[in-house]
């Protein structure tokens, strides 16, 4: 596919090959020939097996588990494309790692998200395409353009089709930081919102204190950007029934990190259905009937086409 003279090429490292293949298929392109493996001592070994000289290169890699290996694969591939004289390199990162370490919460804390942004820029990326950063202001950590896609339109469309009666539905933000996302979701399905007031005594743990809003007798949809160990989500879902008197609970999130006991917690929870996107490869989640995984490939493909044609990303969701 050629639009303005430069050849466009889609490459992928190892973390999320299915999404890379989706993107390439939507664009009518093959996935570029490359390999990313390891030497016997664990160092990353990358081989680009076709010419990229003068090409507009998009390299797809979610920096999910194993986080540091996948991040290094991305950095080394970007460096390889730069040294092979690619005209422009776009790092397509469906899930951006270290995004929760975006500020100093305590004295002497690192700001790891800024460090990762610097590494990607230094490796040679000309721009970044990602989805639902944990904190949108992370875009400002980069000295290169960042195109920030949203998962809410995909998730909202699923629930708009699922629930015919929107008057019976309340959208719930699991914390104060997710209110904007929940409001955006609620506007798309024309439903009111409620907010969970919680405190976090330590990392990966939270306690629900209050529910701000009326969920009694309602169908509840909890909306978040990511689910890690699922402790917060499962606790909020239980509180909706026990404290709020909700009728049934659904949940959705862009990124299904699903680490540690997450799958077991979700399976044993009161949640009827959890909907996530495939920004992170989900072999375990697909085996659980409660979890629905929706594709992001078509959205990333459209964004890549717009970037390549120098068209705006901002009106994709209009």
Foldseek 3Di string as FASTA:
>chain_A
DDDPPAAEAEEEADFFVVLSCLLQVLVVHDHFDKYWDADPVRHIDIDRDDQQAQHAYEYEFACAVVNVSRLNSQLVVLLVNVVSHHPAYEYEHAHQPLLVLCDDPDPPRDSVLLVSQVSNVVSPHQEYEYECRQDVCSCVSHPHYYHYHYPLVVVLVVVLVVDVDQAQEEEEELAPSCPVVSVVSCVSNVHHYKYFHWDAPDPPAIATDDIGDAQAQGEYEYEDAEQACCRSVLNVQVCCCPVRNHDAYAYEHAYYSNPDNNVVSVLPGRHQAYEYEVSGPDPPQVVRPRYHYHYPSVVVSVVVVCVSVVHDPVPPPD
